[in-house]
PDB file of N, CA and C in Angstrom:
ATOM      1  N   UNK A   1       0.939  -1.085   0.095  1.00  0.00           N
ATOM      2  CA  UNK A   1       0.030  -0.099   0.025  1.00  0.00           C
ATOM      3  C   UNK A   1       1.159   1.165   0.049  1.00  0.00           C
ATOM      4  N   UNK A   2       0.457   2.309  -1.132  1.00  0.00           N
ATOM      5  CA  UNK A   2       1.308   3.528  -1.176  1.00  0.00           C
ATOM      6  C   UNK A   2       0.728   4.191   0.024  1.00  0.00           C
ATOM      7  N   UNK A   3       1.641   5.090   0.721  1.00  0.00           N
ATOM      8  CA  UNK A   3       0.949   6.131   1.187  1.00  0.00           C
ATOM      9  C   UNK A   3       1.738   7.704   1.010  1.00  0.00           C
ATOM     10  N   UNK A   4       0.602   8.622   0.698  1.00  0.00           N
ATOM     11  CA  UNK A   4       1.093   9.669   0.243  1.00  0.00           C
ATOM     12  C   UNK A   4       1.278  11.059   1.577  1.00  0.00           C
ATOM     13  N   UNK A   5       1.905  11.463   1.417  1.00  0.00           N
ATOM     14  CA  UNK A   5       2.010  12.508   3.273  1.00  0.00           C
ATOM     15  C   UNK A   5       1.362  13.621   3.135  1.00  0.00           C
ATOM     16  N   UNK A   6       0.587  13.950   1.749  1.00  0.00           N
ATOM     17  CA  UNK A   6      -0.391  14.904   1.776  1.00  0.00           C
ATOM     18  C   UNK A   6      -1.923  14.142   1.717  1.00  0.00           C
ATOM     19  N   UNK A   7      -1.630  13.209   1.556  1.00  0.00           N
ATOM     20  CA  UNK A   7      -3.299  12.236   1.950  1.00  0.00           C
ATOM     21  C   UNK A   7      -3.939  12.724   2.979  1.00  0.00           C
ATOM     22  N   UNK A   8      -5.221  13.270   2.845  1.00  0.00           N
ATOM     23  CA  UNK A   8      -6.225  12.977   4.244  1.00  0.00           C
ATOM     24  C   UNK A   8      -6.383  11.759   5.306  1.00  0.00           C
ATOM     25  N   UNK A   9      -6.638  11.854   6.249  1.00  0.00           N
ATOM     26  CA  UNK A   9      -6.543  10.389   7.226  1.00  0.00           C
ATOM     27  C   UNK A   9      -7.913  10.850   7.284  1.00  0.00           C
ATOM     28  N   UNK A  10      -8.562   9.697   7.788  1.00  0.00           N
ATOM     29  CA  UNK A  10     -10.287   9.210   7.991  1.00  0.00           C
ATOM     30  C   UNK A  10     -10.127   9.716   9.528  1.00  0.00           C
ATOM     31  N   UNK A  11     -10.827  10.748   9.926  1.00  0.00           N
ATOM     32  CA  UNK A  11     -10.988  11.015  11.363  1.00  0.00           C
ATOM     33  C   UNK A  11     -12.283   9.886  11.963  1.00  0.00           C
ATOM     34  N   UNK A  12     -11.997   8.609  12.864  1.00  0.00           N
ATOM     35  CA  UNK A  12     -12.975   8.213  13.292  1.00  0.00           C
ATOM     36  C   UNK A  12     -13.420   8.429  15.285  1.00  0.00           C
ATOM     37  N   UNK A  13     -13.176   9.741  15.139  1.00  0.00           N
ATOM     38  CA  UNK A  13     -13.599   9.839  16.710  1.00  0.00           C
ATOM     39  C   UNK A  13     -12.877   8.977  17.676  1.00  0.00           C
ATOM     40  N   UNK A  14     -12.076   8.188  17.818  1.00  0.00           N
ATOM     41  CA  UNK A  14     -11.317   7.383  18.273  1.00  0.00           C
ATOM     42  C   UNK A  14     -10.345   8.125  19.129  1.00  0.00           C
ATOM     43  N   UNK A  15      -9.930   8.147  20.482  1.00  0.00           N
ATOM     44  CA  UNK A  15      -8.801   8.618  21.327  1.00  0.00           C
ATOM     45  C   UNK A  15      -9.284   8.712  22.822  1.00  0.00           C
ATOM     46  N   UNK A  16      -8.388   9.105  23.564  1.00  0.00           N
ATOM     47  CA  UNK A  16      -8.433   9.232  24.750  1.00  0.00           C
ATOM     48  C   UNK A  16      -7.781  10.260  24.788  1.00  0.00           C
ATOM     49  N   UNK A  17      -8.022  11.095  26.055  1.00  0.00           N
ATOM     50  CA  UNK A  17      -7.442  12.345  27.068  1.00  0.00           C
ATOM     51  C   UNK A  17      -7.477  12.246  28.149  1.00  0.00           C
ATOM     52  N   UNK A  18      -6.447  12.834  29.130  1.00  0.00           N
ATOM     53  CA  UNK A  18      -5.910  12.688  30.662  1.00  0.00           C
ATOM     54  C   UNK A  18      -5.832  11.003  30.533  1.00  0.00           C
ATOM     55  N   UNK A  19      -5.036  10.624  29.839  1.00  0.00           N
ATOM     56  CA  UNK A  19      -4.291   9.394  30.374  1.00  0.00           C
ATOM     57  C   UNK A  19      -2.735   9.209  30.469  1.00  0.00           C
ATOM     58  N   UNK A  20      -2.056   8.405  31.103  1.00  0.00           N
ATOM     59  CA  UNK A  20      -0.684   8.291  31.419  1.00  0.00           C
ATOM     60  C   UNK A  20      -0.364   7.476  30.027  1.00  0.00           C
ATOM     61  N   UNK A  21       0.712   8.278  29.623  1.00  0.00           N
ATOM     62  CA  UNK A  21       1.815   7.154  28.520  1.00  0.00           C
ATOM     63  C   UNK A  21       3.129   7.014  29.172  1.00  0.00           C
ATOM     64  N   UNK A  22       3.596   5.961  28.660  1.00  0.00           N
ATOM     65  CA  UNK A  22       4.988   5.328  28.822  1.00  0.00           C
ATOM     66  C   UNK A  22       5.500   4.957  27.962  1.00  0.00           C
ATOM     67  N   UNK A  23       6.659   5.439  27.155  1.00  0.00           N
ATOM     68  CA  UNK A  23       7.035   5.367  25.908  1.00  0.00           C
ATOM     69  C   UNK A  23       8.738   5.930  25.871  1.00  0.00           C
ATOM     70  N   UNK A  24       9.601   4.920  25.651  1.00  0.00           N
ATOM     71  CA  UNK A  24      11.714   5.596  25.440  1.00  0.00           C
ATOM     72  C   UNK A  24      11.965   5.601  27.206  1.00  0.00           C
ATOM     73  N   UNK A  25      11.278   5.103  27.994  1.00  0.00           N
ATOM     74  CA  UNK A  25      11.437   4.763  29.456  1.00  0.00           C
ATOM     75  C   UNK A  25      11.204   5.605  30.503  1.00  0.00           C
ATOM     76  N   UNK A  26      10.051   6.726  29.723  1.00  0.00           N
ATOM     77  CA  UNK A  26       9.865   7.889  30.183  1.00  0.00           C
ATOM     78  C   UNK A  26       8.184   8.075  30.706  1.00  0.00           C
ATOM     79  N   UNK A  27       7.344   8.253  31.760  1.00  0.00           N
ATOM     80  CA  UNK A  27       6.414   8.469  31.915  1.00  0.00           C
ATOM     81  C   UNK A  27       5.447  10.036  31.858  1.00  0.00           C
ATOM     82  N   UNK A  28       4.748   9.690  31.206  1.00  0.00           N
ATOM     83  CA  UNK A  28       4.056  10.986  30.744  1.00  0.00           C
ATOM     84  C   UNK A  28       2.904  11.194  31.255  1.00  0.00           C
ATOM     85  N   UNK A  29       2.412  12.087  32.328  1.00  0.00           N
ATOM     86  CA  UNK A  29       0.935  12.051  32.883  1.00  0.00           C
ATOM     87  C   UNK A  29       0.377  13.151  32.573  1.00  0.00           C
ATOM     88  N   UNK A  30      -1.101  13.402  32.804  1.00  0.00           N
ATOM     89  CA  UNK A  30      -1.777  14.678  32.459  1.00  0.00           C
ATOM     90  C   UNK A  30      -1.535  15.296  33.475  1.00  0.00           C
ATOM     91  N   UNK A  31      -0.766  16.554  32.658  1.00  0.00           N
ATOM     92  CA  UNK A  31      -0.470  18.250  33.459  1.00  0.00           C
ATOM     93  C   UNK A  31       0.939  18.173  33.304  1.00  0.00           C
ATOM     94  N   UNK A  32       1.439  17.331  32.950  1.00  0.00           N
ATOM     95  CA  UNK A  32       3.150  17.214  33.126  1.00  0.00           C
ATOM     96  C   UNK A  32       3.512  18.310  31.913  1.00  0.00           C
ATOM     97  N   UNK A  33       4.594  19.495  32.810  1.00  0.00           N
ATOM     98  CA  UNK A  33       5.428  20.165  31.783  1.00  0.00           C
ATOM     99  C   UNK A  33       6.666  19.479  31.274  1.00  0.00           C
ATOM    100  N   UNK A  34       6.521  19.777  30.041  1.00  0.00           N
ATOM    101  CA  UNK A  34       7.549  19.002  29.184  1.00  0.00           C
ATOM    102  C   UNK A  34       8.775  19.971  28.461  1.00  0.00           C
ATOM    103  N   UNK A  35       9.657  19.888  28.694  1.00  0.00           N
ATOM    104  CA  UNK A  35      10.939  21.066  28.237  1.00  0.00           C
ATOM    105  C   UNK A  35      11.743  20.125  26.895  1.00  0.00           C
ATOM    106  N   UNK A  36      12.260  20.735  25.783  1.00  0.00           N
ATOM    107  CA  UNK A  36      13.040  19.825  24.914  1.00  0.00           C
ATOM    108  C   UNK A  36      13.818  20.966  24.484  1.00  0.00           C
ATOM    109  N   UNK A  37      14.894  20.642  23.783  1.00  0.00           N
ATOM    110  CA  UNK A  37      15.949  21.455  22.922  1.00  0.00           C
ATOM    111  C   UNK A  37      16.976  19.905  22.214  1.00  0.00           C
ATOM    112  N   UNK A  38      17.941  20.819  21.687  1.00  0.00           N
ATOM    113  CA  UNK A  38      18.843  19.642  21.009  1.00  0.00           C
ATOM    114  C   UNK A  38      19.587  18.435  22.052  1.00  0.00           C
ATOM    115  N   UNK A  39      19.818  19.146  23.320  1.00  0.00           N
ATOM    116  CA  UNK A  39      20.677  17.954  23.996  1.00  0.00           C
ATOM    117  C   UNK A  39      19.699  16.744  24.732  1.00  0.00           C
ATOM    118  N   UNK A  40      17.905  17.067  24.670  1.00  0.00           N
ATOM    119  CA  UNK A  40      17.352  16.063  25.511  1.00  0.00           C
ATOM    120  C   UNK A  40      15.985  16.829  25.481  1.00  0.00           C
ATOM    121  N   UNK A  41      15.281  15.918  26.497  1.00  0.00           N
ATOM    122  CA  UNK A  41      14.230  15.978  26.942  1.00  0.00           C
ATOM    123  C   UNK A  41      13.544  16.329  28.546  1.00  0.00           C
ATOM    124  N   UNK A  42      13.211  16.736  28.927  1.00  0.00           N
ATOM    125  CA  UNK A  42      12.309  16.949  30.565  1.00  0.00           C
ATOM    126  C   UNK A  42      11.065  16.893  30.725  1.00  0.00           C
ATOM    127  N   UNK A  43      10.624  15.907  31.302  1.00  0.00           N
ATOM    128  CA  UNK A  43       8.922  15.599  31.537  1.00  0.00           C
ATOM    129  C   UNK A  43       9.385  15.953  33.349  1.00  0.00           C
ATOM    130  N   UNK A  44       8.581  17.203  33.663  1.00  0.00           N
ATOM    131  CA  UNK A  44       8.347  17.336  34.689  1.00  0.00           C
ATOM    132  C   UNK A  44       7.041  17.083  35.396  1.00  0.00           C
ATOM    133  N   UNK A  45       6.580  17.374  37.007  1.00  0.00           N
ATOM    134  CA  UNK A  45       5.294  17.461  37.358  1.00  0.00           C
ATOM    135  C   UNK A  45       4.934  19.143  38.055  1.00  0.00           C
ATOM    136  N   UNK A  46       6.095  19.651  37.755  1.00  0.00           N
ATOM    137  CA  UNK A  46       6.096  21.718  38.055  1.00  0.00           C
ATOM    138  C   UNK A  46       6.319  22.429  37.225  1.00  0.00           C
ATOM    139  N   UNK A  47       6.030  23.517  36.740  1.00  0.00           N
ATOM    140  CA  UNK A  47       6.492  24.409  36.276  1.00  0.00           C
ATOM    141  C   UNK A  47       8.343  24.619  36.578  1.00  0.00           C
ATOM    142  N   UNK A  48       8.749  24.526  35.798  1.00  0.00           N
ATOM    143  CA  UNK A  48      10.169  24.462  36.066  1.00  0.00           C
ATOM    144  C   UNK A  48      10.990  25.921  35.566  1.00  0.00           C
ATOM    145  N   UNK A  49      10.074  26.769  34.435  1.00  0.00           N
ATOM    146  CA  UNK A  49      10.550  27.931  34.266  1.00  0.00           C
ATOM    147  C   UNK A  49      10.895  29.217  35.039  1.00  0.00           C
ATOM    148  N   UNK A  50      10.130  29.114  35.941  1.00  0.00           N
ATOM    149  CA  UNK A  50      10.235  30.507  36.771  1.00  0.00           C
ATOM    150  C   UNK A  50      10.955  29.901  38.123  1.00  0.00           C
ATOM    151  N   UNK A  51      11.385  28.934  37.831  1.00  0.00           N
ATOM    152  CA  UNK A  51      12.681  28.612  38.927  1.00  0.00           C
ATOM    153  C   UNK A  51      14.475  28.960  38.529  1.00  0.00           C
ATOM    154  N   UNK A  52      14.228  29.019  37.230  1.00  0.00           N
ATOM    155  CA  UNK A  52      15.795  29.918  36.611  1.00  0.00           C
ATOM    156  C   UNK A  52      15.227  31.467  36.727  1.00  0.00           C
ATOM    157  N   UNK A  53      14.033  32.002  36.908  1.00  0.00           N
ATOM    158  CA  UNK A  53      13.907  33.801  37.137  1.00  0.00           C
ATOM    159  C   UNK A  53      14.540  34.255  35.883  1.00  0.00           C
TER     160      UNK A  53
END
């Protein structure tokens, strides 16, 4: 089957919100703060941006 990046997907209304995910050895919980740059990714339970002032 060929897949075209410009093709439209069919929306079936399936999915979930506010669920815990785990992949890459990292647990992502609803409400988590995610910070990323070229060096890596940090997932935190609280807003770390205010800590650096």
